[in-house]
Protein backbone atom coordinates (compact mmCIF):
# COMPACT_ATOMS: atom_id res chain seq x y z
CA MET A 1 20.51 3.18 -19.81
CA SER A 2 21.54 1.20 -16.75
CA ALA A 3 19.37 0.11 -13.78
CA ARG A 4 21.35 2.55 -11.62
CA ASP A 5 20.71 5.48 -13.98
CA THR A 6 17.01 4.68 -14.04
CA ALA A 7 16.90 4.46 -10.22
CA LEU A 8 18.73 7.81 -9.97
CA SER A 9 16.24 9.36 -12.42
CA VAL A 10 13.38 8.20 -10.24
CA LEU A 11 14.95 9.70 -7.13
CA ILE A 12 15.54 12.98 -8.92
CA ASP A 13 11.94 13.01 -10.16
CA CYS A 14 10.61 12.38 -6.64
CA ARG A 15 12.71 15.21 -5.24
CA ARG A 16 12.09 17.84 -7.93
CA GLU A 17 8.47 17.18 -8.79
CA GLY A 18 7.29 15.77 -5.50
CA ALA A 19 6.25 12.67 -7.39
CA TRP A 20 5.15 9.51 -5.60
CA LEU A 21 7.67 6.71 -5.93
CA ASP A 22 5.37 4.24 -7.69
CA ALA A 23 4.27 6.81 -10.26
CA ALA A 24 7.85 7.91 -10.93
CA LEU A 25 8.96 4.29 -11.32
CA LYS A 26 6.28 3.53 -13.84
CA ARG A 27 7.07 6.59 -15.86
CA GLN A 28 10.88 6.05 -15.88
CA LEU A 29 10.69 2.30 -16.52
CA ALA A 30 8.42 2.92 -19.52
CA ARG A 31 10.78 5.55 -20.87
CA ASP A 32 14.04 3.60 -20.41
CA ARG A 33 12.69 0.23 -21.63
CA LEU A 34 14.94 -1.87 -19.45
CA ASP A 35 14.80 -5.63 -19.69
CA ARG A 36 12.98 -7.49 -16.88
CA ARG A 37 16.10 -8.07 -14.78
CA ASP A 38 17.33 -4.47 -14.90
CA ALA A 39 13.83 -3.10 -14.37
CA ALA A 40 13.55 -5.23 -11.21
CA LEU A 41 16.96 -3.97 -9.99
CA ALA A 42 16.06 -0.35 -10.65
CA THR A 43 12.85 -0.79 -8.74
CA ARG A 44 14.61 -2.38 -5.76
CA LEU A 45 17.32 0.30 -5.72
CA ALA A 46 14.94 3.29 -5.82
CA SER A 47 12.64 1.72 -3.27
CA ALA A 48 15.47 0.92 -0.89
CA VAL A 49 16.80 4.48 -1.06
CA VAL A 50 13.38 5.94 -0.27
CA GLN A 51 12.83 3.40 2.52
CA ASN A 52 16.12 4.17 4.17
CA ARG A 53 16.63 7.89 3.32
CA LEU A 54 17.03 9.14 6.90
CA LEU A 55 19.49 6.30 7.77
CA LEU A 56 21.44 6.82 4.57
CA ASP A 57 21.78 10.54 5.29
CA TRP A 58 22.94 9.75 8.81
CA TRP A 59 25.63 7.43 7.44
CA ILE A 60 26.70 9.82 4.73
CA SER A 61 27.01 12.70 7.23
CA ARG A 62 29.71 10.68 9.04
CA TYR A 63 31.88 10.68 5.94
CA VAL A 64 31.23 14.23 4.63
CA LYS A 65 32.55 17.36 6.19
CA GLY A 66 29.89 20.02 6.85
CA GLU A 67 26.10 19.88 6.53
CA LEU A 68 24.55 17.68 3.84
CA SER A 69 22.33 20.63 2.95
CA ARG A 70 25.43 22.26 1.44
CA LEU A 71 25.74 19.47 -1.15
CA GLN A 72 24.28 19.86 -4.58
CA PRO A 73 20.97 17.94 -4.40
CA VAL A 74 21.83 15.58 -7.23
CA VAL A 75 25.12 14.75 -5.59
CA LEU A 76 23.27 13.76 -2.39
CA ASP A 77 20.98 11.62 -4.53
CA ILE A 78 24.03 9.85 -6.03
CA LEU A 79 25.60 9.33 -2.63
CA ARG A 80 22.33 7.92 -1.18
CA LEU A 81 22.12 5.48 -4.09
CA GLY A 82 25.76 4.45 -3.76
CA CYS A 83 25.69 4.10 0.01
CA CYS A 84 22.50 2.08 -0.23
CA GLN A 85 24.07 -0.39 -2.61
CA LEU A 86 27.23 -0.79 -0.52
CA ARG A 87 25.23 -1.39 2.66
CA PHE A 88 22.23 -3.39 1.44
CA PHE A 89 23.14 -5.00 -1.88
CA ASP A 90 25.98 -7.36 -1.07
CA ARG A 91 25.92 -9.12 -4.46
CA LEU A 92 26.65 -5.98 -6.47
CA PRO A 93 30.37 -5.56 -7.20
CA VAL A 94 31.83 -2.68 -5.17
CA SER A 95 33.87 -1.42 -8.11
CA ALA A 96 30.76 -1.14 -10.31
CA VAL A 97 28.83 0.70 -7.59
CA VAL A 98 31.60 3.28 -7.09
CA ASN A 99 32.54 3.70 -10.77
CA GLU A 100 28.96 4.27 -11.91
CA ALA A 101 28.31 6.70 -9.07
CA VAL A 102 31.37 8.68 -10.15
CA SER A 103 30.22 8.61 -13.75
CA GLN A 104 26.81 9.91 -12.74
CA ALA A 105 28.41 12.76 -10.79
CA LYS A 106 30.53 13.73 -13.80
CA ARG A 107 27.52 13.78 -16.10
CA LEU A 108 25.00 15.41 -13.78
CA ALA A 109 27.17 17.60 -11.57
CA ASN A 110 30.88 18.40 -12.10
CA PRO A 111 34.36 16.88 -11.80
CA ARG A 112 34.81 18.20 -8.26
CA ALA A 113 31.58 16.55 -7.19
CA ALA A 114 32.74 13.33 -8.85
CA GLY A 115 35.89 13.44 -6.75
CA LEU A 116 33.79 13.88 -3.60
CA VAL A 117 31.55 10.92 -4.54
CA ASN A 118 34.57 8.79 -5.29
CA GLY A 119 36.26 9.69 -2.00
CA VAL A 120 33.21 9.20 0.21
CA LEU A 121 32.18 5.81 -1.27
CA ARG A 122 35.71 4.41 -1.23
CA THR A 123 36.13 5.52 2.40
CA MET A 124 32.93 3.69 3.22
CA VAL A 125 34.43 0.57 1.77
CA ARG A 126 37.72 0.97 3.62
CA GLU A 127 36.23 2.19 6.91
CA PRO A 128 32.82 0.48 7.26
CA GLU A 129 32.70 1.00 11.06
CA HIS A 130 30.62 4.18 10.59
CA LEU A 131 27.91 2.14 8.77
CA ALA A 132 26.62 0.51 11.95
CA LEU A 133 22.96 0.82 12.81
CA PRO A 134 22.10 3.68 15.22
CA GLU A 135 20.09 3.02 18.42
CA GLU A 136 17.48 5.68 17.73
CA LEU A 137 14.44 3.98 16.12
CA SER A 138 13.67 6.99 13.95
CA LEU A 139 17.10 6.79 12.26
CA ARG A 140 17.45 3.01 12.34
CA TYR A 141 14.20 2.48 10.38
CA SER A 142 14.01 5.87 8.63
CA HIS A 143 10.71 7.09 10.05
CA PRO A 144 10.53 10.78 11.00
CA LYS A 145 10.29 11.27 14.77
CA PRO A 146 6.75 12.74 14.70
CA LEU A 147 5.52 9.67 12.80
CA VAL A 148 7.24 7.31 15.25
CA GLU A 149 5.58 9.14 18.19
CA LEU A 150 2.16 9.02 16.47
CA LEU A 151 2.44 5.29 15.82
CA GLU A 152 3.57 4.63 19.40
CA GLN A 153 0.55 6.53 20.78
CA SER A 154 -1.76 4.23 18.79
CA LEU A 155 0.00 0.88 19.14
CA GLY A 156 2.22 1.08 22.21
CA ARG A 157 5.96 0.64 22.68
CA GLU A 158 5.92 -3.17 22.38
CA LEU A 159 4.66 -3.26 18.84
CA LEU A 160 6.48 -0.17 17.63
CA GLU A 161 9.88 -1.57 16.60
CA PRO A 162 8.50 -4.75 14.98
CA LEU A 163 6.18 -2.54 12.92
CA LEU A 164 8.92 -0.11 11.86
CA GLN A 165 11.16 -3.01 10.90
CA CYS A 166 8.39 -4.63 8.89
CA HIS A 167 7.78 -1.37 7.00
CA ASN A 168 11.22 -1.75 5.40
CA GLU A 169 10.62 -5.32 4.20
CA VAL A 170 9.56 -6.22 0.67
CA PRO A 171 5.76 -6.77 0.65
CA GLY A 172 4.22 -9.80 -1.00
CA THR A 173 1.93 -9.75 -4.03
CA PHE A 174 -1.43 -11.39 -3.48
CA LEU A 175 -3.93 -12.54 -6.10
CA GLN A 176 -7.60 -13.23 -5.30
CA VAL A 177 -9.11 -15.96 -7.42
CA ASN A 178 -12.16 -15.14 -9.52
CA ARG A 179 -14.08 -18.24 -8.49
CA LEU A 180 -16.67 -17.55 -11.21
CA ARG A 181 -14.02 -18.38 -13.83
CA CYS A 182 -11.58 -20.83 -12.28
CA SER A 183 -10.52 -22.58 -9.08
CA CYS A 184 -7.52 -21.76 -6.92
CA GLN A 185 -5.77 -24.93 -8.00
CA ALA A 186 -6.39 -24.22 -11.67
CA LEU A 187 -4.96 -20.71 -11.32
CA LEU A 188 -1.90 -22.01 -9.47
CA SER A 189 -1.25 -24.55 -12.18
CA GLU A 190 -1.58 -21.95 -14.93
CA LEU A 191 0.71 -19.41 -13.26
CA THR A 192 3.44 -21.93 -12.40
CA ARG A 193 3.38 -24.22 -15.47
CA GLN A 194 2.42 -21.85 -18.26
CA GLU A 195 3.72 -18.51 -17.00
CA GLY A 196 6.74 -19.71 -15.04
CA LEU A 197 5.86 -17.68 -11.96
CA ALA A 198 6.57 -18.65 -8.35
CA ALA A 199 3.05 -19.06 -6.96
CA GLU A 200 1.61 -20.87 -3.95
CA PRO A 201 -1.61 -20.86 -1.92
CA HIS A 202 -1.88 -18.22 0.81
CA PRO A 203 -1.25 -19.91 4.18
CA TRP A 204 -4.61 -18.99 5.73
CA LEU A 205 -6.84 -17.08 3.31
CA PRO A 206 -8.99 -19.28 0.99
CA ASP A 207 -8.82 -18.65 -2.76
CA CYS A 208 -5.79 -16.40 -2.41
CA VAL A 209 -2.42 -16.91 -4.13
CA THR A 210 0.96 -15.40 -3.31
CA VAL A 211 3.12 -14.79 -6.34
CA SER A 212 6.49 -13.37 -7.34
CA GLY A 213 8.31 -12.75 -10.59
CA GLY A 214 7.04 -11.70 -13.99
CA SER A 215 4.58 -9.09 -15.20
CA LEU A 216 1.08 -10.14 -14.02
CA GLU A 217 -0.72 -7.91 -16.48
CA GLN A 218 0.89 -9.73 -19.39
CA THR A 219 -0.43 -13.12 -18.35
CA ASP A 220 -3.32 -14.89 -20.07
CA ALA A 221 -4.86 -15.41 -16.63
CA PHE A 222 -5.01 -11.67 -16.02
CA ARG A 223 -6.38 -10.87 -19.45
CA GLY A 224 -8.91 -13.68 -18.99
CA GLY A 225 -10.16 -12.20 -15.73
CA ARG A 226 -9.22 -15.20 -13.62
CA PHE A 227 -7.74 -13.11 -10.79
CA TYR A 228 -7.40 -9.59 -9.41
CA VAL A 229 -4.65 -8.16 -7.17
CA GLN A 230 -5.73 -7.48 -3.60
CA ASP A 231 -4.08 -7.62 -0.18
CA PRO A 232 -5.60 -10.17 2.27
CA ALA A 233 -6.59 -7.34 4.60
CA ALA A 234 -8.94 -5.80 2.04
CA ARG A 235 -10.32 -9.26 1.26
CA LEU A 236 -11.06 -9.73 4.97
CA ALA A 237 -13.09 -6.51 4.96
CA VAL A 238 -15.37 -7.95 2.33
CA LEU A 239 -15.62 -11.26 4.21
CA ALA A 240 -16.73 -9.21 7.24
CA LEU A 241 -19.41 -7.64 5.01
CA ALA A 242 -20.54 -11.14 3.96
CA PRO A 243 -22.65 -10.14 0.95
CA ALA A 244 -25.04 -12.79 -0.37
CA PRO A 245 -26.46 -13.47 -3.86
CA GLY A 246 -29.48 -11.30 -4.62
CA GLU A 247 -28.72 -8.58 -2.10
CA ARG A 248 -28.32 -4.86 -2.76
CA VAL A 249 -24.80 -3.78 -1.75
CA LEU A 250 -23.01 -0.41 -1.83
CA ASP A 251 -19.26 0.12 -1.95
CA CYS A 252 -19.26 3.88 -1.32
CA CYS A 253 -15.52 4.60 -1.65
CA ALA A 254 -14.69 1.93 -4.19
CA ALA A 255 -11.73 2.87 -6.40
CA PRO A 256 -9.81 1.07 -7.73
CA GLY A 257 -12.55 -1.51 -7.24
CA GLY A 258 -11.02 -4.48 -5.52
CA LYS A 259 -13.58 -4.73 -2.74
CA SER A 260 -16.41 -4.30 -5.24
CA PHE A 261 -15.00 -7.18 -7.28
CA ALA A 262 -14.62 -9.37 -4.20
CA ALA A 263 -18.20 -8.68 -3.12
CA ALA A 264 -19.61 -9.34 -6.62
CA ILE A 265 -17.78 -12.69 -6.72
CA ASP A 266 -19.11 -13.61 -3.24
CA MET A 267 -22.59 -12.71 -4.51
CA LYS A 268 -22.06 -15.11 -7.47
CA ASN A 269 -22.69 -12.12 -9.77
CA GLN A 270 -26.33 -12.04 -8.63
CA GLY A 271 -28.04 -8.98 -7.18
CA THR A 272 -27.00 -5.31 -7.26
CA LEU A 273 -23.62 -3.85 -6.41
CA VAL A 274 -23.28 -0.06 -6.67
CA SER A 275 -19.60 0.91 -6.76
CA CYS A 276 -18.94 4.63 -6.19
CA ASP A 277 -16.09 7.12 -6.25
CA ILE A 278 -15.77 10.88 -6.37
CA HIS A 279 -13.27 10.97 -9.27
CA PRO A 280 -14.58 10.43 -12.85
CA HIS A 281 -11.42 8.76 -14.13
CA LYS A 282 -11.56 6.19 -11.36
CA ILE A 283 -15.08 5.27 -12.38
CA GLN A 284 -13.62 4.14 -15.70
CA LEU A 285 -11.01 2.01 -13.85
CA ILE A 286 -13.77 0.27 -11.90
CA ARG A 287 -15.79 -0.40 -15.05
CA ALA A 288 -12.78 -1.75 -16.90
CA GLY A 289 -11.90 -4.09 -14.02
CA ALA A 290 -15.42 -5.37 -13.69
CA GLU A 291 -15.62 -6.02 -17.42
CA ARG A 292 -12.33 -7.95 -17.35
CA LEU A 293 -13.59 -10.14 -14.54
CA GLY A 294 -17.04 -10.62 -16.08
CA LEU A 295 -18.89 -8.97 -13.19
CA ASP A 296 -21.92 -7.40 -14.75
CA ILE A 297 -23.72 -6.64 -11.45
CA VAL A 298 -21.11 -3.96 -10.68
CA GLU A 299 -22.64 -0.56 -11.41
CA ALA A 300 -19.95 2.16 -11.23
CA ARG A 301 -21.37 5.54 -10.23
CA LEU A 302 -19.97 9.01 -9.55
CA GLN A 303 -21.00 9.81 -6.01
CA ASP A 304 -19.56 11.72 -3.04
CA ALA A 305 -19.70 9.27 -0.12
CA SER A 306 -20.05 12.12 2.38
CA VAL A 307 -23.27 13.34 0.77
CA PRO A 308 -26.44 11.23 1.18
CA ASN A 309 -28.18 10.35 -2.10
CA PRO A 310 -31.94 10.92 -1.50
CA ASP A 311 -32.75 8.13 -3.98
CA TRP A 312 -30.83 5.67 -1.84
CA ALA A 313 -32.56 6.23 1.50
CA GLU A 314 -32.53 2.90 3.38
CA ALA A 315 -31.96 1.18 0.00
CA PHE A 316 -29.01 -1.11 0.76
CA ASP A 317 -28.73 -4.40 2.61
CA ARG A 318 -25.02 -3.97 3.17
CA ILE A 319 -22.61 -1.07 2.81
CA ILE A 320 -18.79 -1.07 2.93
CA ALA A 321 -17.10 2.27 3.59
CA ASP A 322 -13.36 1.99 2.98
CA VAL A 323 -12.86 5.66 3.76
CA PRO A 324 -10.08 8.09 2.79
CA CYS A 325 -7.40 7.85 5.42
CA SER A 326 -3.74 8.65 6.22
CA GLY A 327 -2.56 5.42 4.56
CA LEU A 328 -0.05 4.68 7.31
CA GLY A 329 -0.81 0.97 7.14
CA VAL A 330 0.65 0.63 3.64
CA ILE A 331 4.08 2.12 4.21
CA ARG A 332 5.65 -1.18 3.07
CA LYS A 333 4.09 -0.71 -0.37
CA LYS A 334 4.40 3.09 -0.51
CA PRO A 335 7.53 3.94 1.49
CA ASP A 336 7.37 7.66 0.74
CA ILE A 337 4.16 7.97 2.79
CA ARG A 338 6.35 8.08 5.90
CA TYR A 339 7.69 11.48 4.87
CA LYS A 340 4.40 13.26 4.25
CA ASP A 341 3.34 16.24 6.32
CA LEU A 342 1.31 14.92 9.24
CA SER A 343 -0.56 18.13 10.06
CA PRO A 344 -3.32 17.80 7.38
CA LEU A 345 -4.05 14.25 8.61
CA ALA A 346 -5.66 15.62 11.78
CA GLU A 347 -8.71 16.69 9.73
CA LEU A 348 -9.36 13.19 8.34
CA PRO A 349 -11.58 11.93 11.22
CA LYS A 350 -14.06 14.72 10.39
CA VAL A 351 -14.25 13.49 6.79
CA GLN A 352 -14.62 9.90 7.92
CA ARG A 353 -17.43 10.78 10.32
CA ARG A 354 -19.28 12.64 7.54
CA ILE A 355 -19.08 9.54 5.34
CA LEU A 356 -20.43 7.33 8.14
CA GLU A 357 -23.27 9.78 8.77
CA ALA A 358 -24.20 9.75 5.10
CA GLN A 359 -24.08 5.94 4.79
CA ALA A 360 -26.16 5.48 7.90
CA THR A 361 -29.12 7.02 6.05
CA GLN A 362 -28.66 4.65 3.08
CA LEU A 363 -28.61 1.39 5.03
CA ARG A 364 -31.91 -0.40 5.60
CA PRO A 365 -32.96 -1.42 9.15
CA GLY A 366 -31.32 -4.73 9.90
CA GLY A 367 -28.53 -4.03 7.43
CA LEU A 368 -24.75 -4.25 8.01
CA LEU A 369 -22.28 -1.37 7.68
CA VAL A 370 -18.56 -2.20 7.51
CA TYR A 371 -16.05 0.58 8.07
CA SER A 372 -12.43 0.08 7.05
CA THR A 373 -9.19 2.04 6.64
CA CYS A 374 -5.61 1.27 5.68
CA THR A 375 -4.22 3.19 8.65
CA LEU A 376 -3.17 2.22 12.18
CA LEU A 377 -4.15 5.44 13.97
CA ARG A 378 -6.79 5.13 16.69
CA ARG A 379 -8.12 8.59 15.97
CA GLU A 380 -9.15 7.40 12.46
CA ASN A 381 -10.27 3.96 13.57
CA GLU A 382 -11.65 3.13 17.02
CA ASP A 383 -12.26 6.77 17.93
CA VAL A 384 -14.32 7.41 14.77
CA ILE A 385 -16.41 4.30 15.41
CA ARG A 386 -17.01 5.09 19.09
CA GLY A 387 -17.96 8.67 18.28
CA PHE A 388 -20.41 7.52 15.60
CA LEU A 389 -22.04 4.92 17.89
CA ALA A 390 -22.41 7.43 20.71
CA GLU A 391 -24.64 9.55 18.45
CA HIS A 392 -26.40 6.66 16.67
CA PRO A 393 -28.00 4.26 19.17
CA GLU A 394 -29.73 2.49 16.28
CA PHE A 395 -26.30 0.93 15.44
CA CYS A 396 -24.29 -1.58 17.47
CA LEU A 397 -21.01 -3.40 16.85
CA GLU A 398 -21.29 -6.95 15.56
CA ALA A 399 -18.73 -9.71 16.16
CA LEU A 400 -16.29 -10.43 13.34
CA ASN A 401 -15.48 -13.98 12.28
CA LEU A 402 -12.49 -13.85 9.97
CA PRO A 403 -10.47 -16.72 8.41
CA GLY A 404 -6.92 -16.86 9.76
CA ILE A 405 -7.85 -14.39 12.54
CA GLY A 406 -10.77 -15.98 14.35
CA ARG A 407 -13.77 -14.53 16.09
CA ILE A 408 -13.53 -10.93 17.32
CA GLU A 409 -16.32 -10.28 19.79
CA SER A 410 -15.60 -6.56 19.96
CA GLY A 411 -16.53 -6.08 16.28
CA MET A 412 -13.34 -4.17 15.62
CA LYS A 413 -9.95 -5.46 14.48
CA THR A 414 -6.64 -3.84 13.61
CA LEU A 415 -4.42 -5.92 11.32
CA LEU A 416 -0.68 -5.40 11.47
CA PRO A 417 2.00 -6.24 8.88
CA CYS A 418 4.24 -7.51 11.71
CA ALA A 419 1.52 -9.76 13.11
CA GLU A 420 -0.90 -10.94 10.42
CA GLY A 421 1.43 -10.29 7.47
CA THR A 422 -1.18 -8.13 5.78
CA ASP A 423 -1.33 -4.41 5.09
CA GLY A 424 -1.94 -2.39 8.19
CA PHE A 425 -5.75 -2.24 8.19
CA PHE A 426 -8.78 -1.65 10.41
CA ILE A 427 -12.17 -3.30 10.15
CA ALA A 428 -15.35 -2.59 12.12
CA ALA A 429 -18.81 -4.10 11.50
CA MET A 430 -22.00 -2.34 12.73
CA ARG A 431 -25.55 -3.63 12.54
CA LYS A 432 -28.51 -1.23 12.15
CA HIS A 433 -31.40 -2.24 14.43
CA GLU A 434 -34.66 -3.36 12.82
């Protein structure tokens, strides 16, 4: 099995089963058992095709007679994969790209389709003038027009193109140091000298390491609980919460547990940290992660964040609500999010408000409530907060003071991949009056 065959299998799985790219990749890579180099190539190929699908289809349509909808679906998958390699993977030999695409068409379609694939790809090589980038932003960056319009409404025209461009870049991998078990310098030394990974300190976030290469879960440092994977944006949300040792803290939408782990470490594993989710299997993930990191104050509980728990009335000093959202801030990591149906997303603010209403009853007077999302839409961020505050005069926004960002007097901050280099993320801090 070649890297190209694995990538094609992933694309077929996504199309036929509606599978998410990351899940399909994990499944196919486990099945095909590629070596590290081929597994990395298969991942890059499949991801690049999904990232650039609209653009690839626009290019292919300039070399194929008739509508692309008339093509056998697997043939279009093969053409997308081939065109992507010719346009974005300069180091791959052209002959290998074309020959393997033709072989795939013979095996999965028919000889006539193989001839079409051969002709289209070889014409692309001979006549590359049709592979120029279009002016239209939706096509250039492969974001459906309704999504482009929605993002422009929230962010404005000036930030729109830098954001769309950034969505198609390869995101970094960030490790947060478990300071209860090692220092940042010790972790860097272990990863670089013992594991052979490329690792360096994050440029502005303390106790954070950027890393590339290798399988992190196979390292002794991972098994020994000396780090956990978390984007700087999520870490900043916990820094905004500022939990202290001995306090009673609630992470009401916790899975997979990263913010709970960060808070427990900041609390020096002293106090109470209740970590909740609505899905039973995710509770087990939180428990396993806390055990690996040695965080025994983390108490994983099954609890719907939108329903107040009467036993928790005014029980917590600090609550973080990283609510369900549209996820449009993590398109770099999950490129297929861009193609999801936008219509159900309009209902999310109602869910988010219900969660805030429930958590307001569980925070003690004088306590701090941090609201966060991994989306960039105002209707899920600032509008939700302002609507909540209008009906809850006992709450007020509190200034944020975040490393690498500075002091935010408004108490609300939207982080952008194209500005801060983090996931797209929103953080708001609200204090409940005594």
